[in-house]
Amino acid sequence: MAQGLFIAHSSAVPGREAEYEQWYDEIHVPDVRAAIPSVTAVHRYRRVDLAGGGGAPRYVAVYELADADVATAAAQLGAAGAEGRLRMTDAMDVSDNPPELQWYAATGATAV
């Protein structure tokens, strides 16, 4: 079981979804994994609009962490960004639907 989670919500610039997806899988995930050594797995999802409201797709990446020291993981990610080790893309929407980052530590008990 993961002891911590880093969850990143983001969106592609409309019309550039394929470019965004390729960047995320081939560049961003490896950069984040290099920045945060405790990442053990990464799972990515696209929100499904069952109501048919339209709009730009929203994506979520769930990074599993080997330990609950999310403060260190967040600092490692911040340092990588500040040092230019996270290669970004202009295919990610940072204006109309900006990324949102969340950090979680395991509480102990799990249901099966």
N, C-alpha and C. Protein backbone atom coordinates (compact mmCIF):
# COMPACT_ATOMS: atom_id res chain seq x y z
N MET A 1 0.84 -1.19 0.00
CA MET A 1 0.00 0.00 0.00
C MET A 1 0.88 1.25 0.00
N ALA A 2 0.50 2.23 -0.79
CA ALA A 2 1.22 3.50 -0.79
C ALA A 2 1.06 4.18 0.56
N GLN A 3 2.13 4.76 1.04
CA GLN A 3 2.09 5.47 2.32
C GLN A 3 1.75 6.95 2.13
N GLY A 4 1.87 7.41 0.90
CA GLY A 4 1.51 8.78 0.57
C GLY A 4 1.08 8.86 -0.88
N LEU A 5 0.36 9.92 -1.19
CA LEU A 5 -0.08 10.16 -2.56
C LEU A 5 0.19 11.61 -2.93
N PHE A 6 0.58 11.81 -4.15
CA PHE A 6 0.67 13.13 -4.75
C PHE A 6 -0.30 13.08 -5.91
N ILE A 7 -1.29 13.96 -5.89
CA ILE A 7 -2.32 13.97 -6.92
C ILE A 7 -2.27 15.30 -7.66
N ALA A 8 -2.16 15.22 -8.97
CA ALA A 8 -2.06 16.42 -9.80
C ALA A 8 -3.20 16.44 -10.81
N HIS A 9 -4.04 17.47 -10.71
CA HIS A 9 -5.11 17.70 -11.67
C HIS A 9 -4.60 18.72 -12.69
N SER A 10 -4.86 18.48 -13.96
CA SER A 10 -4.43 19.42 -14.99
C SER A 10 -5.30 19.25 -16.22
N SER A 11 -5.14 20.20 -17.14
CA SER A 11 -5.90 20.18 -18.39
C SER A 11 -4.98 20.54 -19.54
N ALA A 12 -5.34 20.07 -20.72
CA ALA A 12 -4.64 20.45 -21.93
C ALA A 12 -5.26 21.72 -22.49
N VAL A 13 -4.48 22.47 -23.22
CA VAL A 13 -5.03 23.58 -23.99
C VAL A 13 -5.98 22.96 -25.01
N PRO A 14 -7.21 23.48 -25.15
CA PRO A 14 -8.15 22.88 -26.10
C PRO A 14 -7.53 22.74 -27.49
N GLY A 15 -7.72 21.54 -28.05
CA GLY A 15 -7.19 21.24 -29.37
C GLY A 15 -5.77 20.68 -29.36
N ARG A 16 -5.15 20.65 -28.18
CA ARG A 16 -3.76 20.16 -28.10
C ARG A 16 -3.65 18.96 -27.16
N GLU A 17 -4.74 18.22 -27.03
CA GLU A 17 -4.78 17.09 -26.11
C GLU A 17 -3.75 16.02 -26.43
N ALA A 18 -3.58 15.68 -27.70
CA ALA A 18 -2.62 14.63 -28.07
C ALA A 18 -1.19 15.05 -27.71
N GLU A 19 -0.85 16.29 -27.97
CA GLU A 19 0.47 16.80 -27.63
C GLU A 19 0.69 16.79 -26.11
N TYR A 20 -0.34 17.21 -25.37
CA TYR A 20 -0.30 17.20 -23.91
C TYR A 20 -0.09 15.78 -23.37
N GLU A 21 -0.88 14.84 -23.89
CA GLU A 21 -0.79 13.44 -23.45
C GLU A 21 0.61 12.88 -23.70
N GLN A 22 1.16 13.15 -24.87
CA GLN A 22 2.50 12.63 -25.19
C GLN A 22 3.54 13.25 -24.25
N TRP A 23 3.47 14.56 -24.03
CA TRP A 23 4.40 15.23 -23.12
C TRP A 23 4.28 14.65 -21.71
N TYR A 24 3.05 14.47 -21.25
CA TYR A 24 2.86 13.99 -19.88
C TYR A 24 3.47 12.61 -19.69
N ASP A 25 3.17 11.70 -20.62
CA ASP A 25 3.65 10.32 -20.51
C ASP A 25 5.16 10.20 -20.73
N GLU A 26 5.67 10.89 -21.73
CA GLU A 26 7.06 10.68 -22.14
C GLU A 26 8.07 11.61 -21.46
N ILE A 27 7.63 12.76 -21.00
CA ILE A 27 8.55 13.73 -20.41
C ILE A 27 8.23 14.03 -18.95
N HIS A 28 6.99 14.41 -18.68
CA HIS A 28 6.66 14.89 -17.34
C HIS A 28 6.73 13.79 -16.27
N VAL A 29 6.11 12.66 -16.52
CA VAL A 29 6.14 11.58 -15.53
C VAL A 29 7.59 11.16 -15.22
N PRO A 30 8.44 10.94 -16.21
CA PRO A 30 9.84 10.62 -15.89
C PRO A 30 10.55 11.74 -15.11
N ASP A 31 10.26 13.00 -15.44
CA ASP A 31 10.87 14.11 -14.69
C ASP A 31 10.44 14.11 -13.23
N VAL A 32 9.15 13.89 -12.99
CA VAL A 32 8.64 13.88 -11.61
C VAL A 32 9.21 12.68 -10.86
N ARG A 33 9.27 11.53 -11.51
CA ARG A 33 9.84 10.34 -10.85
C ARG A 33 11.31 10.56 -10.50
N ALA A 34 12.05 11.26 -11.34
CA ALA A 34 13.45 11.55 -11.04
C ALA A 34 13.56 12.55 -9.89
N ALA A 35 12.62 13.46 -9.80
CA ALA A 35 12.65 14.49 -8.76
C ALA A 35 12.27 13.94 -7.39
N ILE A 36 11.34 12.98 -7.38
CA ILE A 36 10.82 12.42 -6.12
C ILE A 36 11.17 10.93 -6.08
N PRO A 37 12.27 10.57 -5.44
CA PRO A 37 12.70 9.16 -5.42
C PRO A 37 11.69 8.20 -4.78
N SER A 38 10.81 8.69 -3.91
CA SER A 38 9.88 7.79 -3.24
C SER A 38 8.67 7.41 -4.09
N VAL A 39 8.55 7.94 -5.32
CA VAL A 39 7.45 7.55 -6.20
C VAL A 39 7.64 6.10 -6.63
N THR A 40 6.63 5.28 -6.36
CA THR A 40 6.70 3.86 -6.70
C THR A 40 5.83 3.50 -7.90
N ALA A 41 4.81 4.31 -8.17
CA ALA A 41 3.91 4.04 -9.29
C ALA A 41 3.19 5.33 -9.66
N VAL A 42 2.77 5.39 -10.92
CA VAL A 42 2.01 6.54 -11.41
C VAL A 42 0.82 6.01 -12.21
N HIS A 43 -0.35 6.56 -11.94
CA HIS A 43 -1.56 6.19 -12.67
C HIS A 43 -2.19 7.48 -13.18
N ARG A 44 -2.59 7.49 -14.46
CA ARG A 44 -3.21 8.68 -15.04
C ARG A 44 -4.62 8.36 -15.51
N TYR A 45 -5.49 9.36 -15.37
CA TYR A 45 -6.89 9.20 -15.75
C TYR A 45 -7.40 10.48 -16.42
N ARG A 46 -8.42 10.33 -17.25
CA ARG A 46 -9.12 11.46 -17.85
C ARG A 46 -10.54 11.44 -17.30
N ARG A 47 -11.01 12.61 -16.85
CA ARG A 47 -12.37 12.70 -16.32
C ARG A 47 -13.35 12.39 -17.45
N VAL A 48 -14.39 11.63 -17.11
CA VAL A 48 -15.43 11.28 -18.06
C VAL A 48 -16.65 12.15 -17.76
N ASP A 49 -17.11 12.88 -18.77
CA ASP A 49 -18.24 13.79 -18.62
C ASP A 49 -19.52 13.03 -18.97
N LEU A 50 -20.10 12.37 -17.99
CA LEU A 50 -21.31 11.58 -18.23
C LEU A 50 -22.53 12.45 -18.48
N ALA A 51 -22.51 13.70 -17.99
CA ALA A 51 -23.64 14.59 -18.17
C ALA A 51 -23.62 15.28 -19.53
N GLY A 52 -22.50 15.20 -20.23
CA GLY A 52 -22.41 15.79 -21.56
C GLY A 52 -22.32 17.31 -21.55
N GLY A 53 -21.75 17.87 -20.50
CA GLY A 53 -21.65 19.32 -20.38
C GLY A 53 -20.59 19.93 -21.27
N GLY A 54 -19.71 19.12 -21.80
CA GLY A 54 -18.66 19.63 -22.69
C GLY A 54 -17.53 20.25 -21.91
N GLY A 55 -16.80 21.08 -22.58
CA GLY A 55 -15.66 21.71 -21.95
C GLY A 55 -14.40 20.89 -22.13
N ALA A 56 -13.30 21.49 -21.75
CA ALA A 56 -12.01 20.82 -21.89
C ALA A 56 -11.91 19.64 -20.95
N PRO A 57 -11.29 18.53 -21.41
CA PRO A 57 -11.11 17.39 -20.51
C PRO A 57 -10.20 17.76 -19.34
N ARG A 58 -10.45 17.18 -18.20
CA ARG A 58 -9.61 17.37 -17.02
C ARG A 58 -8.95 16.03 -16.76
N TYR A 59 -7.67 16.07 -16.43
CA TYR A 59 -6.89 14.86 -16.19
C TYR A 59 -6.43 14.84 -14.74
N VAL A 60 -6.15 13.64 -14.24
CA VAL A 60 -5.57 13.50 -12.91
C VAL A 60 -4.46 12.46 -13.00
N ALA A 61 -3.36 12.78 -12.33
CA ALA A 61 -2.25 11.84 -12.20
C ALA A 61 -2.11 11.53 -10.72
N VAL A 62 -2.04 10.25 -10.40
CA VAL A 62 -1.90 9.80 -9.01
C VAL A 62 -0.52 9.16 -8.88
N TYR A 63 0.33 9.81 -8.11
CA TYR A 63 1.69 9.32 -7.86
C TYR A 63 1.69 8.65 -6.49
N GLU A 64 2.00 7.36 -6.44
CA GLU A 64 2.08 6.64 -5.17
C GLU A 64 3.47 6.84 -4.58
N LEU A 65 3.50 7.11 -3.27
CA LEU A 65 4.77 7.36 -2.57
C LEU A 65 5.04 6.23 -1.59
N ALA A 66 6.30 5.83 -1.49
CA ALA A 66 6.70 4.72 -0.62
C ALA A 66 6.62 5.08 0.86
N ASP A 67 6.64 6.39 1.18
CA ASP A 67 6.56 6.79 2.58
C ASP A 67 5.59 7.95 2.72
N ALA A 68 5.26 8.27 3.96
CA ALA A 68 4.29 9.32 4.25
C ALA A 68 4.92 10.69 4.41
N ASP A 69 6.18 10.81 4.10
CA ASP A 69 6.87 12.09 4.24
C ASP A 69 6.57 12.97 3.03
N VAL A 70 5.33 13.41 2.94
CA VAL A 70 4.91 14.19 1.79
C VAL A 70 5.55 15.58 1.77
N ALA A 71 5.94 16.10 2.93
CA ALA A 71 6.61 17.40 2.96
C ALA A 71 7.94 17.34 2.22
N THR A 72 8.69 16.28 2.42
CA THR A 72 9.95 16.12 1.70
C THR A 72 9.69 15.94 0.21
N ALA A 73 8.71 15.13 -0.15
CA ALA A 73 8.38 14.92 -1.57
C ALA A 73 7.98 16.23 -2.22
N ALA A 74 7.17 17.03 -1.54
CA ALA A 74 6.76 18.33 -2.08
C ALA A 74 7.96 19.26 -2.25
N ALA A 75 8.86 19.24 -1.28
CA ALA A 75 10.08 20.07 -1.38
C ALA A 75 10.96 19.61 -2.53
N GLN A 76 11.06 18.30 -2.74
CA GLN A 76 11.85 17.77 -3.86
C GLN A 76 11.26 18.21 -5.19
N LEU A 77 9.94 18.18 -5.30
CA LEU A 77 9.29 18.61 -6.53
C LEU A 77 9.50 20.11 -6.74
N GLY A 78 9.36 20.89 -5.68
CA GLY A 78 9.58 22.33 -5.78
C GLY A 78 11.00 22.67 -6.19
N ALA A 79 11.97 21.96 -5.62
CA ALA A 79 13.37 22.19 -5.99
C ALA A 79 13.61 21.84 -7.45
N ALA A 80 13.03 20.75 -7.92
CA ALA A 80 13.21 20.36 -9.32
C ALA A 80 12.63 21.43 -10.24
N GLY A 81 11.50 21.98 -9.87
CA GLY A 81 10.91 23.05 -10.67
C GLY A 81 11.78 24.30 -10.68
N ALA A 82 12.25 24.69 -9.50
CA ALA A 82 13.08 25.89 -9.38
C ALA A 82 14.41 25.74 -10.12
N GLU A 83 14.93 24.53 -10.17
CA GLU A 83 16.21 24.27 -10.83
C GLU A 83 16.07 23.94 -12.32
N GLY A 84 14.85 23.98 -12.84
CA GLY A 84 14.64 23.72 -14.26
C GLY A 84 14.69 22.26 -14.65
N ARG A 85 14.52 21.36 -13.67
CA ARG A 85 14.56 19.92 -13.98
C ARG A 85 13.19 19.36 -14.35
N LEU A 86 12.15 20.19 -14.34
CA LEU A 86 10.82 19.78 -14.79
C LEU A 86 10.56 20.48 -16.12
N ARG A 87 10.65 19.73 -17.19
CA ARG A 87 10.44 20.30 -18.52
C ARG A 87 8.94 20.47 -18.75
N MET A 88 8.52 21.70 -18.96
CA MET A 88 7.09 21.99 -19.10
C MET A 88 6.72 22.12 -20.57
N THR A 89 5.42 22.28 -20.82
CA THR A 89 4.91 22.43 -22.17
C THR A 89 3.85 23.51 -22.19
N ASP A 90 3.75 24.20 -23.30
CA ASP A 90 2.67 25.18 -23.43
C ASP A 90 1.37 24.52 -23.89
N ALA A 91 1.36 23.20 -24.00
CA ALA A 91 0.13 22.45 -24.30
C ALA A 91 -0.70 22.21 -23.05
N MET A 92 -0.14 22.53 -21.86
CA MET A 92 -0.91 22.41 -20.62
C MET A 92 -1.55 23.76 -20.32
N ASP A 93 -2.83 23.73 -20.02
CA ASP A 93 -3.59 24.95 -19.74
C ASP A 93 -3.24 25.44 -18.32
N VAL A 94 -2.56 26.55 -18.25
CA VAL A 94 -2.21 27.14 -16.94
C VAL A 94 -3.00 28.41 -16.68
N SER A 95 -3.88 28.80 -17.61
CA SER A 95 -4.66 30.04 -17.46
C SER A 95 -6.11 29.77 -17.12
N ASP A 96 -6.84 29.17 -18.04
CA ASP A 96 -8.29 28.99 -17.86
C ASP A 96 -8.62 27.83 -16.92
N ASN A 97 -7.76 26.83 -16.86
CA ASN A 97 -8.01 25.64 -16.04
C ASN A 97 -6.68 25.18 -15.46
N PRO A 98 -6.09 25.97 -14.54
CA PRO A 98 -4.73 25.70 -14.08
C PRO A 98 -4.61 24.40 -13.28
N PRO A 99 -3.38 23.88 -13.23
CA PRO A 99 -3.13 22.66 -12.46
C PRO A 99 -3.42 22.88 -10.96
N GLU A 100 -3.76 21.78 -10.31
CA GLU A 100 -3.97 21.78 -8.86
C GLU A 100 -3.23 20.57 -8.29
N LEU A 101 -2.42 20.80 -7.27
CA LEU A 101 -1.65 19.73 -6.64
C LEU A 101 -2.18 19.46 -5.25
N GLN A 102 -2.25 18.18 -4.89
CA GLN A 102 -2.70 17.77 -3.55
C GLN A 102 -1.77 16.69 -3.04
N TRP A 103 -1.53 16.69 -1.73
CA TRP A 103 -0.64 15.73 -1.09
C TRP A 103 -1.40 15.03 0.03
N TYR A 104 -1.23 13.70 0.13
CA TYR A 104 -1.94 12.92 1.14
C TYR A 104 -0.98 11.95 1.81
N ALA A 105 -1.16 11.76 3.11
CA ALA A 105 -0.42 10.75 3.86
C ALA A 105 -1.41 9.68 4.31
N ALA A 106 -1.01 8.42 4.27
CA ALA A 106 -1.87 7.32 4.68
C ALA A 106 -2.26 7.47 6.14
N THR A 107 -3.49 7.07 6.45
CA THR A 107 -3.97 7.16 7.82
C THR A 107 -3.77 5.87 8.61
N GLY A 108 -3.40 4.82 7.95
CA GLY A 108 -3.11 3.57 8.65
C GLY A 108 -4.06 2.47 8.24
N ALA A 109 -5.30 2.52 8.70
CA ALA A 109 -6.24 1.44 8.43
C ALA A 109 -6.70 1.50 6.98
N THR A 110 -6.85 0.32 6.37
CA THR A 110 -7.35 0.24 5.01
C THR A 110 -8.49 -0.78 4.95
N ALA A 111 -9.43 -0.50 4.09
CA ALA A 111 -10.52 -1.44 3.88
C ALA A 111 -10.22 -2.27 2.64
N VAL A 112 -10.57 -3.50 2.68
CA VAL A 112 -10.33 -4.39 1.54
C VAL A 112 -11.65 -4.83 0.98
